[in-house]
Amino acid sequence: MCNKDFLGKVISGEKELLPMESISMVDVPNYDELSVSNLWPHLKNDPNFMMHFPDEMPKGRLPARDYFFNVMNTGMGDYLQKLIKHATL
């Protein structure tokens, strides 16, 4: 998720990088309900979540699944755990 435009915004303070030691890693099951394509449209409007992603993605591209869910778990762990629990029922 790191390109020159994103790094420029990190340097200017508009975006931020998460230190590796602060990331809460998660292993999310591969269910349709828990796909990046289903969750991205809802989360791309959340300014706190988007602090860790570029403002624009290349056409037809989504964030990497592992990165997306690790950032989500770090900032919205309770919400993600509820989504996983609901999807596995």
Protein backbone atom coordinates (compact mmCIF):
# COMPACT_ATOMS: atom_id res chain seq x y z
CA MET A 1 0.00 0.00 0.00
CA CYS A 2 3.05 2.19 -0.03
CA ASN A 3 3.75 4.41 -3.02
CA LYS A 4 5.42 7.80 -3.40
CA ASP A 5 2.14 9.72 -3.09
CA PHE A 6 1.23 7.87 0.11
CA LEU A 7 4.71 8.41 1.58
CA GLY A 8 4.47 12.12 0.75
CA LYS A 9 1.24 12.30 2.73
CA VAL A 10 2.85 10.40 5.62
CA ILE A 11 5.68 12.95 5.70
CA SER A 12 3.21 15.84 5.61
CA GLY A 13 1.14 14.26 8.42
CA GLU A 14 -1.99 13.60 6.36
CA LYS A 15 -1.54 9.81 6.59
CA GLU A 16 0.26 7.56 9.05
CA LEU A 17 2.17 4.30 9.14
CA LEU A 18 1.53 1.71 11.82
CA PRO A 19 4.61 0.46 13.65
CA MET A 20 4.93 -3.32 13.27
CA GLU A 21 4.80 -3.85 17.03
CA SER A 22 1.41 -2.10 17.24
CA ILE A 23 -0.26 -4.21 14.54
CA SER A 24 -2.68 -6.82 15.83
CA MET A 25 -2.33 -9.67 13.34
CA VAL A 26 -5.40 -11.71 12.47
CA ASP A 27 -6.20 -14.73 10.32
CA VAL A 28 -9.62 -14.16 8.73
CA PRO A 29 -11.52 -17.10 7.20
CA ASN A 30 -12.13 -16.96 3.45
CA TYR A 31 -15.88 -16.34 3.36
CA ASP A 32 -17.70 -14.16 0.85
CA GLU A 33 -19.07 -12.05 3.72
CA LEU A 34 -15.49 -11.37 4.84
CA SER A 35 -14.03 -10.37 1.52
CA VAL A 36 -12.21 -7.11 0.94
CA SER A 37 -14.53 -6.39 -2.01
CA ASN A 38 -17.58 -6.54 0.29
CA LEU A 39 -16.10 -4.52 3.17
CA TRP A 40 -14.01 -1.93 1.29
CA PRO A 41 -17.01 0.17 0.06
CA HIS A 42 -18.16 0.62 3.68
CA LEU A 43 -14.77 1.30 5.24
CA LYS A 44 -13.31 3.58 2.58
CA ASN A 45 -15.48 6.38 4.00
CA ASP A 46 -14.06 6.01 7.53
CA PRO A 47 -11.35 8.67 7.96
CA ASN A 48 -9.60 6.84 10.83
CA PHE A 49 -9.36 3.64 8.80
CA MET A 50 -8.27 5.47 5.65
CA MET A 51 -5.32 7.07 7.49
CA HIS A 52 -3.45 3.87 6.62
CA PHE A 53 -4.44 3.59 2.95
CA PRO A 54 -3.85 5.69 -0.18
CA ASP A 55 -6.69 8.07 -1.07
CA GLU A 56 -7.05 6.45 -4.48
CA MET A 57 -6.51 2.88 -5.56
CA PRO A 58 -5.65 1.93 -9.16
CA LYS A 59 -8.80 1.23 -11.17
CA GLY A 60 -10.16 -2.22 -10.40
CA ARG A 61 -7.71 -2.82 -7.53
CA LEU A 62 -8.37 -3.35 -3.84
CA PRO A 63 -6.00 -3.39 -0.87
CA ALA A 64 -4.14 -6.62 -0.14
CA ARG A 65 -6.32 -8.91 2.00
CA ASP A 66 -3.79 -9.48 4.81
CA TYR A 67 -2.93 -5.79 5.09
CA PHE A 68 -6.61 -4.76 5.01
CA PHE A 69 -7.65 -7.14 7.78
CA ASN A 70 -4.59 -6.50 9.96
CA VAL A 71 -5.25 -2.74 9.84
CA MET A 72 -8.92 -3.38 10.51
CA ASN A 73 -8.13 -5.68 13.43
CA THR A 74 -5.72 -3.12 14.90
CA GLY A 75 -8.21 -0.25 14.81
CA MET A 76 -11.56 -2.04 14.95
CA GLY A 77 -10.80 -5.39 16.57
CA ASP A 78 -14.16 -5.80 18.30
CA TYR A 79 -16.07 -5.02 15.12
CA LEU A 80 -13.99 -7.46 13.07
CA GLN A 81 -14.43 -10.22 15.65
CA LYS A 82 -18.23 -9.69 15.52
CA LEU A 83 -18.13 -9.94 11.71
CA ILE A 84 -16.10 -13.16 11.88
CA LYS A 85 -18.43 -14.64 14.50
CA HIS A 86 -21.50 -13.73 12.47
CA ALA A 87 -20.00 -15.18 9.26
CA THR A 88 -19.12 -18.49 10.92
CA LEU A 89 -22.60 -19.11 12.37
